[in-house]
Amino acid sequence: MDPKYYCDTVRSELTGLKARAYDMLRQLDKMQNREKLMTEFKEVHALVDDLNVTIDKLSSQCPTDWGTQKNDIEKKKAALLAKITWWDKEHIAGGYVGG
């Protein structure tokens, strides 16, 4: 796969996930029983912070060999997607169909 294509594609995916995570955090701020969920969302904040660093890196540089970084990016992306999926099942009737 062309490294530039990979960087652009992953940056776009991560930006979308980050936007969805921010939507979740805004909804959490409006909830009355949010204290119960704070532990879950500390992890979301940490994942978003890590992804911001990755997005910035993908924007400014695109190495030809990502090696272990690619695996790390995929793991963080999967972890955030799992949190989003959990949130959607619990808080959105019919789940998130966003785009």
PDB file of N, CA and C in Angstrom:
ATOM      1  N   MET A   1       0.849  -1.180   0.000  1.00  0.00           N
ATOM      2  CA  MET A   1       0.000   0.000   0.000  1.00  0.00           C
ATOM      3  C   MET A   1       0.890   1.237   0.000  1.00  0.00           C
ATOM      4  N   ASP A   2       0.474   2.210  -0.771  1.00  0.00           N
ATOM      5  CA  ASP A   2       1.176   3.476  -0.845  1.00  0.00           C
ATOM      6  C   ASP A   2       1.147   4.161   0.524  1.00  0.00           C
ATOM      7  N   PRO A   3       2.325   4.525   1.067  1.00  0.00           N
ATOM      8  CA  PRO A   3       2.356   5.144   2.402  1.00  0.00           C
ATOM      9  C   PRO A   3       1.520   6.415   2.511  1.00  0.00           C
ATOM     10  N   LYS A   4       1.526   7.240   1.473  1.00  0.00           N
ATOM     11  CA  LYS A   4       0.748   8.489   1.507  1.00  0.00           C
ATOM     12  C   LYS A   4      -0.744   8.175   1.594  1.00  0.00           C
ATOM     13  N   TYR A   5      -1.193   7.192   0.828  1.00  0.00           N
ATOM     14  CA  TYR A   5      -2.595   6.787   0.868  1.00  0.00           C
ATOM     15  C   TYR A   5      -2.947   6.268   2.260  1.00  0.00           C
ATOM     16  N   TYR A   6      -2.063   5.446   2.827  1.00  0.00           N
ATOM     17  CA  TYR A   6      -2.285   4.916   4.174  1.00  0.00           C
ATOM     18  C   TYR A   6      -2.403   6.061   5.182  1.00  0.00           C
ATOM     19  N   CYS A   7      -1.481   6.993   5.130  1.00  0.00           N
ATOM     20  CA  CYS A   7      -1.496   8.108   6.085  1.00  0.00           C
ATOM     21  C   CYS A   7      -2.772   8.928   5.954  1.00  0.00           C
ATOM     22  N   ASP A   8      -3.151   9.248   4.730  1.00  0.00           N
ATOM     23  CA  ASP A   8      -4.367  10.035   4.514  1.00  0.00           C
ATOM     24  C   ASP A   8      -5.611   9.291   4.994  1.00  0.00           C
ATOM     25  N   THR A   9      -5.671   7.995   4.696  1.00  0.00           N
ATOM     26  CA  THR A   9      -6.828   7.192   5.079  1.00  0.00           C
ATOM     27  C   THR A   9      -6.937   7.067   6.592  1.00  0.00           C
ATOM     28  N   VAL A  10      -5.838   6.740   7.250  1.00  0.00           N
ATOM     29  CA  VAL A  10      -5.850   6.571   8.699  1.00  0.00           C
ATOM     30  C   VAL A  10      -6.128   7.899   9.389  1.00  0.00           C
ATOM     31  N   ARG A  11      -5.532   8.974   8.889  1.00  0.00           N
ATOM     32  CA  ARG A  11      -5.781  10.294   9.489  1.00  0.00           C
ATOM     33  C   ARG A  11      -7.264  10.633   9.407  1.00  0.00           C
ATOM     34  N   SER A  12      -7.888  10.335   8.286  1.00  0.00           N
ATOM     35  CA  SER A  12      -9.320  10.592   8.119  1.00  0.00           C
ATOM     36  C   SER A  12     -10.148   9.739   9.084  1.00  0.00           C
ATOM     37  N   GLU A  13      -9.815   8.458   9.203  1.00  0.00           N
ATOM     38  CA  GLU A  13     -10.526   7.574  10.130  1.00  0.00           C
ATOM     39  C   GLU A  13     -10.387   8.054  11.574  1.00  0.00           C
ATOM     40  N   LEU A  14      -9.168   8.400  11.955  1.00  0.00           N
ATOM     41  CA  LEU A  14      -8.921   8.832  13.334  1.00  0.00           C
ATOM     42  C   LEU A  14      -9.623  10.144  13.637  1.00  0.00           C
ATOM     43  N   THR A  15      -9.660  11.039  12.675  1.00  0.00           N
ATOM     44  CA  THR A  15     -10.355  12.313  12.865  1.00  0.00           C
ATOM     45  C   THR A  15     -11.848  12.075  13.074  1.00  0.00           C
ATOM     46  N   GLY A  16     -12.423  11.146  12.321  1.00  0.00           N
ATOM     47  CA  GLY A  16     -13.830  10.795  12.496  1.00  0.00           C
ATOM     48  C   GLY A  16     -14.103  10.175  13.854  1.00  0.00           C
ATOM     49  N   LEU A  17     -13.231   9.271  14.286  1.00  0.00           N
ATOM     50  CA  LEU A  17     -13.391   8.653  15.605  1.00  0.00           C
ATOM     51  C   LEU A  17     -13.247   9.689  16.716  1.00  0.00           C
ATOM     52  N   LYS A  18     -12.303  10.595  16.537  1.00  0.00           N
ATOM     53  CA  LYS A  18     -12.108  11.648  17.533  1.00  0.00           C
ATOM     54  C   LYS A  18     -13.349  12.527  17.642  1.00  0.00           C
ATOM     55  N   ALA A  19     -13.946  12.868  16.522  1.00  0.00           N
ATOM     56  CA  ALA A  19     -15.173  13.675  16.533  1.00  0.00           C
ATOM     57  C   ALA A  19     -16.289  12.928  17.253  1.00  0.00           C
ATOM     58  N   ARG A  20     -16.411  11.644  17.006  1.00  0.00           N
ATOM     59  CA  ARG A  20     -17.444  10.836  17.666  1.00  0.00           C
ATOM     60  C   ARG A  20     -17.186  10.754  19.165  1.00  0.00           C
ATOM     61  N   ALA A  21     -15.916  10.633  19.543  1.00  0.00           N
ATOM     62  CA  ALA A  21     -15.575  10.589  20.966  1.00  0.00           C
ATOM     63  C   ALA A  21     -15.943  11.911  21.637  1.00  0.00           C
ATOM     64  N   TYR A  22     -15.691  13.028  20.967  1.00  0.00           N
ATOM     65  CA  TYR A  22     -16.071  14.320  21.535  1.00  0.00           C
ATOM     66  C   TYR A  22     -17.586  14.442  21.668  1.00  0.00           C
ATOM     67  N   ASP A  23     -18.330  13.879  20.725  1.00  0.00           N
ATOM     68  CA  ASP A  23     -19.800  13.857  20.844  1.00  0.00           C
ATOM     69  C   ASP A  23     -20.211  13.109  22.114  1.00  0.00           C
ATOM     70  N   MET A  24     -19.575  11.976  22.353  1.00  0.00           N
ATOM     71  CA  MET A  24     -19.871  11.187  23.552  1.00  0.00           C
ATOM     72  C   MET A  24     -19.564  11.988  24.813  1.00  0.00           C
ATOM     73  N   LEU A  25     -18.422  12.645  24.826  1.00  0.00           N
ATOM     74  CA  LEU A  25     -18.023  13.403  26.015  1.00  0.00           C
ATOM     75  C   LEU A  25     -18.972  14.568  26.272  1.00  0.00           C
ATOM     76  N   ARG A  26     -19.459  15.203  25.210  1.00  0.00           N
ATOM     77  CA  ARG A  26     -20.441  16.284  25.383  1.00  0.00           C
ATOM     78  C   ARG A  26     -21.738  15.738  25.961  1.00  0.00           C
ATOM     79  N   GLN A  27     -22.158  14.569  25.484  1.00  0.00           N
ATOM     80  CA  GLN A  27     -23.370  13.947  26.019  1.00  0.00           C
ATOM     81  C   GLN A  27     -23.170  13.579  27.485  1.00  0.00           C
ATOM     82  N   LEU A  28     -22.006  13.092  27.822  1.00  0.00           N
ATOM     83  CA  LEU A  28     -21.702  12.721  29.207  1.00  0.00           C
ATOM     84  C   LEU A  28     -21.815  13.936  30.122  1.00  0.00           C
ATOM     85  N   ASP A  29     -21.314  15.070  29.671  1.00  0.00           N
ATOM     86  CA  ASP A  29     -21.380  16.285  30.484  1.00  0.00           C
ATOM     87  C   ASP A  29     -22.815  16.677  30.826  1.00  0.00           C
ATOM     88  N   LYS A  30     -23.763  16.302  29.988  1.00  0.00           N
ATOM     89  CA  LYS A  30     -25.164  16.647  30.202  1.00  0.00           C
ATOM     90  C   LYS A  30     -25.894  15.637  31.091  1.00  0.00           C
ATOM     91  N   MET A  31     -25.274  14.485  31.330  1.00  0.00           N
ATOM     92  CA  MET A  31     -25.939  13.426  32.088  1.00  0.00           C
ATOM     93  C   MET A  31     -25.891  13.690  33.589  1.00  0.00           C
ATOM     94  N   GLN A  32     -26.940  13.293  34.277  1.00  0.00           N
ATOM     95  CA  GLN A  32     -26.988  13.498  35.715  1.00  0.00           C
ATOM     96  C   GLN A  32     -26.196  12.445  36.476  1.00  0.00           C
ATOM     97  N   ASN A  33     -26.122  11.236  35.965  1.00  0.00           N
ATOM     98  CA  ASN A  33     -25.409  10.165  36.667  1.00  0.00           C
ATOM     99  C   ASN A  33     -24.030   9.912  36.061  1.00  0.00           C
ATOM    100  N   ARG A  34     -23.391  10.962  35.590  1.00  0.00           N
ATOM    101  CA  ARG A  34     -22.126  10.810  34.876  1.00  0.00           C
ATOM    102  C   ARG A  34     -20.979  10.295  35.741  1.00  0.00           C
ATOM    103  N   GLU A  35     -21.080  10.437  37.052  1.00  0.00           N
ATOM    104  CA  GLU A  35     -20.007   9.968  37.927  1.00  0.00           C
ATOM    105  C   GLU A  35     -19.756   8.473  37.756  1.00  0.00           C
ATOM    106  N   LYS A  36     -20.824   7.713  37.495  1.00  0.00           N
ATOM    107  CA  LYS A  36     -20.697   6.270  37.295  1.00  0.00           C
ATOM    108  C   LYS A  36     -19.842   5.940  36.070  1.00  0.00           C
ATOM    109  N   LEU A  37     -19.865   6.837  35.104  1.00  0.00           N
ATOM    110  CA  LEU A  37     -19.184   6.567  33.838  1.00  0.00           C
ATOM    111  C   LEU A  37     -17.809   7.229  33.721  1.00  0.00           C
ATOM    112  N   MET A  38     -17.395   7.956  34.726  1.00  0.00           N
ATOM    113  CA  MET A  38     -16.159   8.723  34.627  1.00  0.00           C
ATOM    114  C   MET A  38     -14.927   7.847  34.379  1.00  0.00           C
ATOM    115  N   THR A  39     -14.885   6.665  34.952  1.00  0.00           N
ATOM    116  CA  THR A  39     -13.735   5.786  34.736  1.00  0.00           C
ATOM    117  C   THR A  39     -13.614   5.416  33.267  1.00  0.00           C
ATOM    118  N   GLU A  40     -14.749   5.061  32.674  1.00  0.00           N
ATOM    119  CA  GLU A  40     -14.752   4.723  31.250  1.00  0.00           C
ATOM    120  C   GLU A  40     -14.241   5.897  30.418  1.00  0.00           C
ATOM    121  N   PHE A  41     -14.655   7.084  30.800  1.00  0.00           N
ATOM    122  CA  PHE A  41     -14.328   8.230  29.972  1.00  0.00           C
ATOM    123  C   PHE A  41     -12.942   8.789  30.219  1.00  0.00           C
ATOM    124  N   LYS A  42     -12.322   8.428  31.318  1.00  0.00           N
ATOM    125  CA  LYS A  42     -10.903   8.769  31.475  1.00  0.00           C
ATOM    126  C   LYS A  42     -10.103   8.044  30.404  1.00  0.00           C
ATOM    127  N   GLU A  43     -10.496   6.802  30.124  1.00  0.00           N
ATOM    128  CA  GLU A  43      -9.833   6.038  29.069  1.00  0.00           C
ATOM    129  C   GLU A  43     -10.079   6.680  27.703  1.00  0.00           C
ATOM    130  N   VAL A  44     -11.289   7.165  27.472  1.00  0.00           N
ATOM    131  CA  VAL A  44     -11.601   7.806  26.197  1.00  0.00           C
ATOM    132  C   VAL A  44     -10.747   9.059  26.024  1.00  0.00           C
ATOM    133  N   HIS A  45     -10.638   9.868  27.067  1.00  0.00           N
ATOM    134  CA  HIS A  45      -9.791  11.066  27.003  1.00  0.00           C
ATOM    135  C   HIS A  45      -8.350  10.690  26.669  1.00  0.00           C
ATOM    136  N   ALA A  46      -7.835   9.664  27.305  1.00  0.00           N
ATOM    137  CA  ALA A  46      -6.458   9.233  27.054  1.00  0.00           C
ATOM    138  C   ALA A  46      -6.284   8.750  25.612  1.00  0.00           C
ATOM    139  N   LEU A  47      -7.257   7.986  25.118  1.00  0.00           N
ATOM    140  CA  LEU A  47      -7.188   7.520  23.731  1.00  0.00           C
ATOM    141  C   LEU A  47      -7.232   8.687  22.752  1.00  0.00           C
ATOM    142  N   VAL A  48      -8.096   9.651  23.009  1.00  0.00           N
ATOM    143  CA  VAL A  48      -8.193  10.814  22.125  1.00  0.00           C
ATOM    144  C   VAL A  48      -6.885  11.602  22.146  1.00  0.00           C
ATOM    145  N   ASP A  49      -6.296  11.772  23.314  1.00  0.00           N
ATOM    146  CA  ASP A  49      -5.010  12.471  23.396  1.00  0.00           C
ATOM    147  C   ASP A  49      -3.942  11.761  22.575  1.00  0.00           C
ATOM    148  N   ASP A  50      -3.882  10.429  22.706  1.00  0.00           N
ATOM    149  CA  ASP A  50      -2.919   9.648  21.926  1.00  0.00           C
ATOM    150  C   ASP A  50      -3.191   9.770  20.436  1.00  0.00           C
ATOM    151  N   LEU A  51      -4.463   9.728  20.070  1.00  0.00           N
ATOM    152  CA  LEU A  51      -4.816   9.820  18.657  1.00  0.00           C
ATOM    153  C   LEU A  51      -4.517  11.202  18.089  1.00  0.00           C
ATOM    154  N   ASN A  52      -4.641  12.243  18.904  1.00  0.00           N
ATOM    155  CA  ASN A  52      -4.279  13.588  18.445  1.00  0.00           C
ATOM    156  C   ASN A  52      -2.813  13.644  18.043  1.00  0.00           C
ATOM    157  N   VAL A  53      -1.971  13.034  18.851  1.00  0.00           N
ATOM    158  CA  VAL A  53      -0.539  12.986  18.540  1.00  0.00           C
ATOM    159  C   VAL A  53      -0.323  12.243  17.217  1.00  0.00           C
ATOM    160  N   THR A  54      -1.021  11.134  17.067  1.00  0.00           N
ATOM    161  CA  THR A  54      -0.888  10.338  15.845  1.00  0.00           C
ATOM    162  C   THR A  54      -1.398  11.107  14.634  1.00  0.00           C
ATOM    163  N   ILE A  55      -2.541  11.779  14.773  1.00  0.00           N
ATOM    164  CA  ILE A  55      -3.092  12.567  13.662  1.00  0.00           C
ATOM    165  C   ILE A  55      -2.114  13.658  13.257  1.00  0.00           C
ATOM    166  N   ASP A  56      -1.542  14.343  14.248  1.00  0.00           N
ATOM    167  CA  ASP A  56      -0.556  15.389  13.948  1.00  0.00           C
ATOM    168  C   ASP A  56       0.646  14.806  13.211  1.00  0.00           C
ATOM    169  N   LYS A  57       1.082  13.638  13.657  1.00  0.00           N
ATOM    170  CA  LYS A  57       2.236  12.995  13.027  1.00  0.00           C
ATOM    171  C   LYS A  57       1.898  12.592  11.588  1.00  0.00           C
ATOM    172  N   LEU A  58       0.699  12.036  11.389  1.00  0.00           N
ATOM    173  CA  LEU A  58       0.288  11.646  10.038  1.00  0.00           C
ATOM    174  C   LEU A  58       0.169  12.861   9.122  1.00  0.00           C
ATOM    175  N   SER A  59      -0.187  14.013   9.701  1.00  0.00           N
ATOM    176  CA  SER A  59      -0.333  15.235   8.913  1.00  0.00           C
ATOM    177  C   SER A  59       1.011  15.822   8.508  1.00  0.00           C
ATOM    178  N   SER A  60       1.991  15.712   9.394  1.00  0.00           N
ATOM    179  CA  SER A  60       3.271  16.369   9.155  1.00  0.00           C
ATOM    180  C   SER A  60       4.324  15.467   8.535  1.00  0.00           C
ATOM    181  N   GLN A  61       4.191  14.170   8.743  1.00  0.00           N
ATOM    182  CA  GLN A  61       5.170  13.245   8.186  1.00  0.00           C
ATOM    183  C   GLN A  61       4.496  11.914   7.892  1.00  0.00           C
ATOM    184  N   CYS A  62       4.985  11.242   6.907  1.00  0.00           N
ATOM    185  CA  CYS A  62       4.411   9.956   6.546  1.00  0.00           C
ATOM    186  C   CYS A  62       5.559   9.012   6.180  1.00  0.00           C
ATOM    187  N   PRO A  63       6.116   8.340   7.183  1.00  0.00           N
ATOM    188  CA  PRO A  63       7.236   7.435   6.906  1.00  0.00           C
ATOM    189  C   PRO A  63       6.814   6.294   5.979  1.00  0.00           C
ATOM    190  N   THR A  64       7.749   5.786   5.225  1.00  0.00           N
ATOM    191  CA  THR A  64       7.441   4.688   4.309  1.00  0.00           C
ATOM    192  C   THR A  64       7.260   3.371   5.041  1.00  0.00           C
ATOM    193  N   ASP A  65       7.817   3.253   6.227  1.00  0.00           N
ATOM    194  CA  ASP A  65       7.666   2.020   7.001  1.00  0.00           C
ATOM    195  C   ASP A  65       7.132   2.363   8.381  1.00  0.00           C
ATOM    196  N   TRP A  66       5.898   1.946   8.646  1.00  0.00           N
ATOM    197  CA  TRP A  66       5.274   2.226   9.932  1.00  0.00           C
ATOM    198  C   TRP A  66       5.564   1.137  10.949  1.00  0.00           C
ATOM    199  N   GLY A  67       5.859  -0.066  10.496  1.00  0.00           N
ATOM    200  CA  GLY A  67       6.211  -1.167  11.382  1.00  0.00           C
ATOM    201  C   GLY A  67       5.311  -1.285  12.594  1.00  0.00           C
ATOM    202  N   THR A  68       5.893  -1.218  13.778  1.00  0.00           N
ATOM    203  CA  THR A  68       5.139  -1.373  15.023  1.00  0.00           C
ATOM    204  C   THR A  68       4.180  -0.213  15.261  1.00  0.00           C
ATOM    205  N   GLN A  69       4.476   0.958  14.710  1.00  0.00           N
ATOM    206  CA  GLN A  69       3.566   2.099  14.882  1.00  0.00           C
ATOM    207  C   GLN A  69       2.203   1.800  14.276  1.00  0.00           C
ATOM    208  N   LYS A  70       2.188   1.107  13.149  1.00  0.00           N
ATOM    209  CA  LYS A  70       0.917   0.767  12.507  1.00  0.00           C
ATOM    210  C   LYS A  70       0.080  -0.106  13.437  1.00  0.00           C
ATOM    211  N   ASN A  71       0.709  -1.085  14.066  1.00  0.00           N
ATOM    212  CA  ASN A  71      -0.013  -1.953  15.008  1.00  0.00           C
ATOM    213  C   ASN A  71      -0.546  -1.154  16.190  1.00  0.00           C
ATOM    214  N   ASP A  72       0.255  -0.238  16.690  1.00  0.00           N
ATOM    215  CA  ASP A  72      -0.158   0.598  17.817  1.00  0.00           C
ATOM    216  C   ASP A  72      -1.350   1.474  17.434  1.00  0.00           C
ATOM    217  N   ILE A  73      -1.303   2.065  16.247  1.00  0.00           N
ATOM    218  CA  ILE A  73      -2.408   2.895  15.760  1.00  0.00           C
ATOM    219  C   ILE A  73      -3.678   2.056  15.651  1.00  0.00           C
ATOM    220  N   GLU A  74      -3.563   0.870  15.078  1.00  0.00           N
ATOM    221  CA  GLU A  74      -4.723   0.004  14.909  1.00  0.00           C
ATOM    222  C   GLU A  74      -5.309  -0.413  16.260  1.00  0.00           C
ATOM    223  N   LYS A  75      -4.468  -0.673  17.248  1.00  0.00           N
ATOM    224  CA  LYS A  75      -4.946  -1.048  18.582  1.00  0.00           C
ATOM    225  C   LYS A  75      -5.701   0.108  19.239  1.00  0.00           C
ATOM    226  N   LYS A  76      -5.157   1.316  19.147  1.00  0.00           N
ATOM    227  CA  LYS A  76      -5.821   2.485  19.726  1.00  0.00           C
ATOM    228  C   LYS A  76      -7.138   2.766  19.017  1.00  0.00           C
ATOM    229  N   LYS A  77      -7.125   2.622  17.708  1.00  0.00           N
ATOM    230  CA  LYS A  77      -8.345   2.841  16.928  1.00  0.00           C
ATOM    231  C   LYS A  77      -9.409   1.828  17.344  1.00  0.00           C
ATOM    232  N   ALA A  78      -9.015   0.583  17.499  1.00  0.00           N
ATOM    233  CA  ALA A  78      -9.960  -0.466  17.901  1.00  0.00           C
ATOM    234  C   ALA A  78     -10.490  -0.222  19.310  1.00  0.00           C
ATOM    235  N   ALA A  79      -9.620   0.228  20.209  1.00  0.00           N
ATOM    236  CA  ALA A  79     -10.043   0.500  21.588  1.00  0.00           C
ATOM    237  C   ALA A  79     -11.068   1.629  21.619  1.00  0.00           C
ATOM    238  N   LEU A  80     -10.827   2.684  20.874  1.00  0.00           N
ATOM    239  CA  LEU A  80     -11.774   3.801  20.848  1.00  0.00           C
ATOM    240  C   LEU A  80     -13.078   3.374  20.184  1.00  0.00           C
ATOM    241  N   LEU A  81     -12.988   2.602  19.126  1.00  0.00           N
ATOM    242  CA  LEU A  81     -14.195   2.122  18.464  1.00  0.00           C
ATOM    243  C   LEU A  81     -15.015   1.230  19.390  1.00  0.00           C
ATOM    244  N   ALA A  82     -14.356   0.426  20.214  1.00  0.00           N
ATOM    245  CA  ALA A  82     -15.071  -0.418  21.184  1.00  0.00           C
ATOM    246  C   ALA A  82     -15.814   0.450  22.196  1.00  0.00           C
ATOM    247  N   LYS A  83     -15.192   1.527  22.665  1.00  0.00           N
ATOM    248  CA  LYS A  83     -15.853   2.446  23.600  1.00  0.00           C
ATOM    249  C   LYS A  83     -17.053   3.113  22.940  1.00  0.00           C
ATOM    250  N   ILE A  84     -16.881   3.526  21.689  1.00  0.00           N
ATOM    251  CA  ILE A  84     -17.976   4.170  20.964  1.00  0.00           C
ATOM    252  C   ILE A  84     -19.132   3.189  20.777  1.00  0.00           C
ATOM    253  N   THR A  85     -18.809   1.960  20.409  1.00  0.00           N
ATOM    254  CA  THR A  85     -19.846   0.945  20.216  1.00  0.00           C
ATOM    255  C   THR A  85     -20.593   0.690  21.518  1.00  0.00           C
ATOM    256  N   TRP A  86     -19.865   0.569  22.623  1.00  0.00           N
ATOM    257  CA  TRP A  86     -20.496   0.378  23.935  1.00  0.00           C
ATOM    258  C   TRP A  86     -21.425   1.547  24.238  1.00  0.00           C
ATOM    259  N   TRP A  87     -20.942   2.761  24.055  1.00  0.00           N
ATOM    260  CA  TRP A  87     -21.736   3.957  24.338  1.00  0.00           C
ATOM    261  C   TRP A  87     -23.009   3.967  23.506  1.00  0.00           C
ATOM    262  N   ASP A  88     -22.867   3.679  22.219  1.00  0.00           N
ATOM    263  CA  ASP A  88     -24.020   3.709  21.331  1.00  0.00           C
ATOM    264  C   ASP A  88     -25.077   2.690  21.743  1.00  0.00           C
ATOM    265  N   LYS A  89     -24.655   1.499  22.109  1.00  0.00           N
ATOM    266  CA  LYS A  89     -25.609   0.471  22.529  1.00  0.00           C
ATOM    267  C   LYS A  89     -26.352   0.887  23.788  1.00  0.00           C
ATOM    268  N   GLU A  90     -25.660   1.574  24.688  1.00  0.00           N
ATOM    269  CA  GLU A  90     -26.248   1.968  25.964  1.00  0.00           C
ATOM    270  C   GLU A  90     -27.073   3.246  25.891  1.00  0.00           C
ATOM    271  N   HIS A  91     -26.734   4.146  24.965  1.00  0.00           N
ATOM    272  CA  HIS A  91     -27.309   5.485  25.026  1.00  0.00           C
ATOM    273  C   HIS A  91     -28.010   5.982  23.777  1.00  0.00           C
ATOM    274  N   ILE A  92     -27.942   5.233  22.686  1.00  0.00           N
ATOM    275  CA  ILE A  92     -28.593   5.687  21.469  1.00  0.00           C
ATOM    276  C   ILE A  92     -29.492   4.575  20.962  1.00  0.00           C
ATOM    277  N   ALA A  93     -30.769   4.851  20.897  1.00  0.00           N
ATOM    278  CA  ALA A  93     -31.726   3.864  20.399  1.00  0.00           C
ATOM    279  C   ALA A  93     -31.383   3.522  18.951  1.00  0.00           C
ATOM    280  N   GLY A  94     -31.180   2.261  18.664  1.00  0.00           N
ATOM    281  CA  GLY A  94     -30.838   1.836  17.317  1.00  0.00           C
ATOM    282  C   GLY A  94     -29.372   1.940  16.988  1.00  0.00           C
ATOM    283  N   GLY A  95     -28.557   2.463  17.911  1.00  0.00           N
ATOM    284  CA  GLY A  95     -27.117   2.567  17.667  1.00  0.00           C
ATOM    285  C   GLY A  95     -26.758   3.762  16.795  1.00  0.00           C
ATOM    286  N   TYR A  96     -25.497   4.052  16.747  1.00  0.00           N
ATOM    287  CA  TYR A  96     -24.986   5.182  15.965  1.00  0.00           C
ATOM    288  C   TYR A  96     -24.873   4.778  14.505  1.00  0.00           C
ATOM    289  N   VAL A  97     -25.430   5.568  13.632  1.00  0.00           N
ATOM    290  CA  VAL A  97     -25.347   5.279  12.206  1.00  0.00           C
ATOM    291  C   VAL A  97     -24.554   6.351  11.476  1.00  0.00           C
ATOM    292  N   GLY A  98     -23.865   7.183  12.250  1.00  0.00           N
ATOM    293  CA  GLY A  98     -23.150   8.348  11.738  1.00  0.00           C
ATOM    294  C   GLY A  98     -22.275   8.095  10.546  1.00  0.00           C
ATOM    295  N   GLY A  99     -21.530   9.088  10.209  1.00  0.00           N
ATOM    296  CA  GLY A  99     -20.669   8.982   9.052  1.00  0.00           C
ATOM    297  C   GLY A  99     -19.646  10.054   9.063  1.00  0.00           C
TER     298      GLY A  99
END
